[in-house]
Amino acid sequence: MQSPRPSRPPPLDSALAAPCVVPDAPEAADYDVWQDWIAKVLGALGDCAARHRKVVEAWPK
């Protein structure tokens, strides 16, 4: 038998609700600038995925 779903979401750390911010692509046609940008994008997406995972884990099963 499944447990009933809670009517409200569980209390979460407010930092988990932060928006996922991906930096805009650079306008310079420079390899090093683009390489730095993609490293920032991957870091931002990793942070977003980690926050999402923590929210999913916090939800009662």
PDB file of N, CA and C in Angstrom:
ATOM      1  N   MET A   1       0.835  -1.171   0.000  1.00  0.00           N
ATOM      2  CA  MET A   1       0.000   0.000   0.000  1.00  0.00           C
ATOM      3  C   MET A   1       0.887   1.243   0.000  1.00  0.00           C
ATOM      4  N   GLN A   2       0.581   2.187  -0.847  1.00  0.00           N
ATOM      5  CA  GLN A   2       1.373   3.417  -0.930  1.00  0.00           C
ATOM      6  C   GLN A   2       0.964   4.373   0.180  1.00  0.00           C
ATOM      7  N   SER A   3       1.975   5.107   0.671  1.00  0.00           N
ATOM      8  CA  SER A   3       1.660   6.127   1.664  1.00  0.00           C
ATOM      9  C   SER A   3       1.055   7.335   0.957  1.00  0.00           C
ATOM     10  N   PRO A   4       0.162   8.053   1.633  1.00  0.00           N
ATOM     11  CA  PRO A   4      -0.465   9.216   0.996  1.00  0.00           C
ATOM     12  C   PRO A   4       0.555  10.305   0.723  1.00  0.00           C
ATOM     13  N   ARG A   5       0.343  11.029  -0.341  1.00  0.00           N
ATOM     14  CA  ARG A   5       1.219  12.148  -0.695  1.00  0.00           C
ATOM     15  C   ARG A   5       0.968  13.307   0.253  1.00  0.00           C
ATOM     16  N   PRO A   6       2.042  13.991   0.662  1.00  0.00           N
ATOM     17  CA  PRO A   6       1.825  15.161   1.522  1.00  0.00           C
ATOM     18  C   PRO A   6       1.119  16.267   0.741  1.00  0.00           C
ATOM     19  N   SER A   7       0.324  17.048   1.451  1.00  0.00           N
ATOM     20  CA  SER A   7      -0.404  18.119   0.777  1.00  0.00           C
ATOM     21  C   SER A   7       0.502  19.300   0.472  1.00  0.00           C
ATOM     22  N   ARG A   8       1.594  19.425   1.204  1.00  0.00           N
ATOM     23  CA  ARG A   8       2.554  20.509   0.974  1.00  0.00           C
ATOM     24  C   ARG A   8       3.935  19.910   0.801  1.00  0.00           C
ATOM     25  N   PRO A   9       4.795  20.579   0.047  1.00  0.00           N
ATOM     26  CA  PRO A   9       6.161  20.065  -0.097  1.00  0.00           C
ATOM     27  C   PRO A   9       6.909  20.174   1.233  1.00  0.00           C
ATOM     28  N   PRO A  10       7.929  19.347   1.421  1.00  0.00           N
ATOM     29  CA  PRO A  10       8.696  19.416   2.651  1.00  0.00           C
ATOM     30  C   PRO A  10       9.480  20.725   2.732  1.00  0.00           C
ATOM     31  N   PRO A  11       9.816  21.176   3.960  1.00  0.00           N
ATOM     32  CA  PRO A  11      10.618  22.400   4.066  1.00  0.00           C
ATOM     33  C   PRO A  11      12.005  22.159   3.473  1.00  0.00           C
ATOM     34  N   LEU A  12      12.449  23.083   2.674  1.00  0.00           N
ATOM     35  CA  LEU A  12      13.748  22.944   2.009  1.00  0.00           C
ATOM     36  C   LEU A  12      14.616  24.163   2.297  1.00  0.00           C
ATOM     37  N   ASP A  13      15.887  23.960   2.186  1.00  0.00           N
ATOM     38  CA  ASP A  13      16.841  25.056   2.296  1.00  0.00           C
ATOM     39  C   ASP A  13      16.579  26.023   1.143  1.00  0.00           C
ATOM     40  N   SER A  14      16.507  27.307   1.434  1.00  0.00           N
ATOM     41  CA  SER A  14      16.195  28.291   0.393  1.00  0.00           C
ATOM     42  C   SER A  14      17.247  28.305  -0.721  1.00  0.00           C
ATOM     43  N   ALA A  15      18.461  27.895  -0.425  1.00  0.00           N
ATOM     44  CA  ALA A  15      19.507  27.864  -1.458  1.00  0.00           C
ATOM     45  C   ALA A  15      19.167  26.868  -2.565  1.00  0.00           C
ATOM     46  N   LEU A  16      18.360  25.863  -2.246  1.00  0.00           N
ATOM     47  CA  LEU A  16      17.989  24.864  -3.255  1.00  0.00           C
ATOM     48  C   LEU A  16      17.027  25.440  -4.282  1.00  0.00           C
ATOM     49  N   ALA A  17      16.369  26.537  -3.941  1.00  0.00           N
ATOM     50  CA  ALA A  17      15.406  27.139  -4.855  1.00  0.00           C
ATOM     51  C   ALA A  17      16.032  28.191  -5.763  1.00  0.00           C
ATOM     52  N   ALA A  18      17.327  28.371  -5.673  1.00  0.00           N
ATOM     53  CA  ALA A  18      18.001  29.370  -6.503  1.00  0.00           C
ATOM     54  C   ALA A  18      17.856  29.002  -7.982  1.00  0.00           C
ATOM     55  N   PRO A  19      17.658  29.982  -8.834  1.00  0.00           N
ATOM     56  CA  PRO A  19      17.527  29.673 -10.265  1.00  0.00           C
ATOM     57  C   PRO A  19      18.856  29.189 -10.851  1.00  0.00           C
ATOM     58  N   CYS A  20      18.750  28.374 -11.861  1.00  0.00           N
ATOM     59  CA  CYS A  20      19.942  27.911 -12.565  1.00  0.00           C
ATOM     60  C   CYS A  20      20.344  28.999 -13.560  1.00  0.00           C
ATOM     61  N   VAL A  21      21.519  29.536 -13.363  1.00  0.00           N
ATOM     62  CA  VAL A  21      21.989  30.631 -14.204  1.00  0.00           C
ATOM     63  C   VAL A  21      23.147  30.125 -15.067  1.00  0.00           C
ATOM     64  N   VAL A  22      22.941  30.182 -16.358  1.00  0.00           N
ATOM     65  CA  VAL A  22      23.984  29.794 -17.308  1.00  0.00           C
ATOM     66  C   VAL A  22      24.500  31.072 -17.967  1.00  0.00           C
ATOM     67  N   PRO A  23      25.806  31.293 -17.912  1.00  0.00           N
ATOM     68  CA  PRO A  23      26.339  32.529 -18.494  1.00  0.00           C
ATOM     69  C   PRO A  23      26.097  32.602 -19.999  1.00  0.00           C
ATOM     70  N   ASP A  24      25.892  33.817 -20.480  1.00  0.00           N
ATOM     71  CA  ASP A  24      25.713  34.027 -21.916  1.00  0.00           C
ATOM     72  C   ASP A  24      26.994  33.680 -22.662  1.00  0.00           C
ATOM     73  N   ALA A  25      26.826  33.244 -23.886  1.00  0.00           N
ATOM     74  CA  ALA A  25      27.978  32.887 -24.720  1.00  0.00           C
ATOM     75  C   ALA A  25      28.792  34.140 -25.027  1.00  0.00           C
ATOM     76  N   PRO A  26      30.098  33.999 -25.051  1.00  0.00           N
ATOM     77  CA  PRO A  26      30.935  35.154 -25.361  1.00  0.00           C
ATOM     78  C   PRO A  26      30.800  35.566 -26.826  1.00  0.00           C
ATOM     79  N   GLU A  27      31.060  36.822 -27.070  1.00  0.00           N
ATOM     80  CA  GLU A  27      30.991  37.308 -28.445  1.00  0.00           C
ATOM     81  C   GLU A  27      32.348  37.233 -29.136  1.00  0.00           C
ATOM     82  N   ALA A  28      33.387  37.101 -28.353  1.00  0.00           N
ATOM     83  CA  ALA A  28      34.738  37.030 -28.924  1.00  0.00           C
ATOM     84  C   ALA A  28      34.930  35.701 -29.647  1.00  0.00           C
ATOM     85  N   ALA A  29      35.642  35.749 -30.735  1.00  0.00           N
ATOM     86  CA  ALA A  29      35.950  34.544 -31.505  1.00  0.00           C
ATOM     87  C   ALA A  29      37.334  34.048 -31.101  1.00  0.00           C
ATOM     88  N   ASP A  30      37.502  33.826 -29.805  1.00  0.00           N
ATOM     89  CA  ASP A  30      38.790  33.423 -29.268  1.00  0.00           C
ATOM     90  C   ASP A  30      38.643  32.075 -28.577  1.00  0.00           C
ATOM     91  N   TYR A  31      39.480  31.134 -28.938  1.00  0.00           N
ATOM     92  CA  TYR A  31      39.386  29.776 -28.410  1.00  0.00           C
ATOM     93  C   TYR A  31      39.466  29.757 -26.886  1.00  0.00           C
ATOM     94  N   ASP A  32      40.404  30.483 -26.316  1.00  0.00           N
ATOM     95  CA  ASP A  32      40.589  30.480 -24.863  1.00  0.00           C
ATOM     96  C   ASP A  32      39.364  31.058 -24.147  1.00  0.00           C
ATOM     97  N   VAL A  33      38.762  32.082 -24.711  1.00  0.00           N
ATOM     98  CA  VAL A  33      37.561  32.674 -24.119  1.00  0.00           C
ATOM     99  C   VAL A  33      36.424  31.656 -24.133  1.00  0.00           C
ATOM    100  N   TRP A  34      36.257  30.965 -25.244  1.00  0.00           N
ATOM    101  CA  TRP A  34      35.197  29.956 -25.342  1.00  0.00           C
ATOM    102  C   TRP A  34      35.468  28.776 -24.418  1.00  0.00           C
ATOM    103  N   GLN A  35      36.725  28.391 -24.294  1.00  0.00           N
ATOM    104  CA  GLN A  35      37.071  27.285 -23.416  1.00  0.00           C
ATOM    105  C   GLN A  35      36.763  27.648 -21.959  1.00  0.00           C
ATOM    106  N   ASP A  36      37.070  28.865 -21.565  1.00  0.00           N
ATOM    107  CA  ASP A  36      36.748  29.340 -20.216  1.00  0.00           C
ATOM    108  C   ASP A  36      35.229  29.372 -20.011  1.00  0.00           C
ATOM    109  N   TRP A  37      34.491  29.828 -21.033  1.00  0.00           N
ATOM    110  CA  TRP A  37      33.042  29.904 -20.942  1.00  0.00           C
ATOM    111  C   TRP A  37      32.423  28.518 -20.761  1.00  0.00           C
ATOM    112  N   ILE A  38      32.877  27.549 -21.534  1.00  0.00           N
ATOM    113  CA  ILE A  38      32.281  26.208 -21.431  1.00  0.00           C
ATOM    114  C   ILE A  38      32.577  25.603 -20.070  1.00  0.00           C
ATOM    115  N   ALA A  39      33.720  25.903 -19.474  1.00  0.00           N
ATOM    116  CA  ALA A  39      34.020  25.421 -18.126  1.00  0.00           C
ATOM    117  C   ALA A  39      33.026  26.031 -17.131  1.00  0.00           C
ATOM    118  N   LYS A  40      32.704  27.306 -17.308  1.00  0.00           N
ATOM    119  CA  LYS A  40      31.723  27.962 -16.432  1.00  0.00           C
ATOM    120  C   LYS A  40      30.334  27.368 -16.634  1.00  0.00           C
ATOM    121  N   VAL A  41      29.971  27.079 -17.873  1.00  0.00           N
ATOM    122  CA  VAL A  41      28.659  26.485 -18.161  1.00  0.00           C
ATOM    123  C   VAL A  41      28.549  25.111 -17.517  1.00  0.00           C
ATOM    124  N   LEU A  42      29.574  24.296 -17.666  1.00  0.00           N
ATOM    125  CA  LEU A  42      29.540  22.958 -17.076  1.00  0.00           C
ATOM    126  C   LEU A  42      29.454  23.035 -15.555  1.00  0.00           C
ATOM    127  N   GLY A  43      30.157  23.981 -14.956  1.00  0.00           N
ATOM    128  CA  GLY A  43      30.069  24.158 -13.507  1.00  0.00           C
ATOM    129  C   GLY A  43      28.680  24.580 -13.077  1.00  0.00           C
ATOM    130  N   ALA A  44      28.077  25.506 -13.810  1.00  0.00           N
ATOM    131  CA  ALA A  44      26.737  25.986 -13.483  1.00  0.00           C
ATOM    132  C   ALA A  44      25.715  24.856 -13.617  1.00  0.00           C
ATOM    133  N   LEU A  45      25.825  24.067 -14.669  1.00  0.00           N
ATOM    134  CA  LEU A  45      24.888  22.958 -14.861  1.00  0.00           C
ATOM    135  C   LEU A  45      25.090  21.880 -13.804  1.00  0.00           C
ATOM    136  N   GLY A  46      26.330  21.666 -13.387  1.00  0.00           N
ATOM    137  CA  GLY A  46      26.607  20.703 -12.313  1.00  0.00           C
ATOM    138  C   GLY A  46      25.986  21.152 -10.999  1.00  0.00           C
ATOM    139  N   ASP A  47      26.102  22.452 -10.690  1.00  0.00           N
ATOM    140  CA  ASP A  47      25.484  22.994  -9.474  1.00  0.00           C
ATOM    141  C   ASP A  47      23.970  22.840  -9.527  1.00  0.00           C
ATOM    142  N   CYS A  48      23.392  23.123 -10.666  1.00  0.00           N
ATOM    143  CA  CYS A  48      21.944  23.015 -10.831  1.00  0.00           C
ATOM    144  C   CYS A  48      21.498  21.556 -10.654  1.00  0.00           C
ATOM    145  N   ALA A  49      22.230  20.636 -11.227  1.00  0.00           N
ATOM    146  CA  ALA A  49      21.881  19.219 -11.115  1.00  0.00           C
ATOM    147  C   ALA A  49      21.995  18.749  -9.662  1.00  0.00           C
ATOM    148  N   ALA A  50      22.999  19.238  -8.940  1.00  0.00           N
ATOM    149  CA  ALA A  50      23.169  18.855  -7.540  1.00  0.00           C
ATOM    150  C   ALA A  50      22.004  19.371  -6.693  1.00  0.00           C
ATOM    151  N   ARG A  51      21.580  20.617  -6.937  1.00  0.00           N
ATOM    152  CA  ARG A  51      20.436  21.160  -6.196  1.00  0.00           C
ATOM    153  C   ARG A  51      19.167  20.361  -6.510  1.00  0.00           C
ATOM    154  N   HIS A  52      18.974  20.019  -7.763  1.00  0.00           N
ATOM    155  CA  HIS A  52      17.805  19.236  -8.162  1.00  0.00           C
ATOM    156  C   HIS A  52      17.812  17.879  -7.449  1.00  0.00           C
ATOM    157  N   ARG A  53      18.964  17.238  -7.427  1.00  0.00           N
ATOM    158  CA  ARG A  53      19.076  15.931  -6.782  1.00  0.00           C
ATOM    159  C   ARG A  53      18.721  16.036  -5.285  1.00  0.00           C
ATOM    160  N   LYS A  54      19.184  17.107  -4.614  1.00  0.00           N
ATOM    161  CA  LYS A  54      18.892  17.269  -3.189  1.00  0.00           C
ATOM    162  C   LYS A  54      17.403  17.501  -2.951  1.00  0.00           C
ATOM    163  N   VAL A  55      16.754  18.224  -3.846  1.00  0.00           N
ATOM    164  CA  VAL A  55      15.308  18.439  -3.717  1.00  0.00           C
ATOM    165  C   VAL A  55      14.566  17.120  -3.876  1.00  0.00           C
ATOM    166  N   VAL A  56      14.945  16.336  -4.865  1.00  0.00           N
ATOM    167  CA  VAL A  56      14.284  15.041  -5.091  1.00  0.00           C
ATOM    168  C   VAL A  56      14.506  14.128  -3.895  1.00  0.00           C
ATOM    169  N   GLU A  57      15.723  14.117  -3.346  1.00  0.00           N
ATOM    170  CA  GLU A  57      16.017  13.252  -2.193  1.00  0.00           C
ATOM    171  C   GLU A  57      15.248  13.689  -0.942  1.00  0.00           C
ATOM    172  N   ALA A  58      14.952  14.989  -0.817  1.00  0.00           N
ATOM    173  CA  ALA A  58      14.258  15.505   0.362  1.00  0.00           C
ATOM    174  C   ALA A  58      12.764  15.167   0.349  1.00  0.00           C
ATOM    175  N   TRP A  59      12.227  14.891  -0.820  1.00  0.00           N
ATOM    176  CA  TRP A  59      10.798  14.624  -0.935  1.00  0.00           C
ATOM    177  C   TRP A  59      10.491  13.249  -0.324  1.00  0.00           C
ATOM    178  N   PRO A  60       9.488  13.161   0.546  1.00  0.00           N
ATOM    179  CA  PRO A  60       9.169  11.869   1.151  1.00  0.00           C
ATOM    180  C   PRO A  60       8.736  10.846   0.105  1.00  0.00           C
ATOM    181  N   LYS A  61       9.117   9.644   0.337  1.00  0.00           N
ATOM    182  CA  LYS A  61       8.797   8.568  -0.610  1.00  0.00           C
ATOM    183  C   LYS A  61       7.606   7.788  -0.135  1.00  0.00           C
TER     184      LYS A  61
END
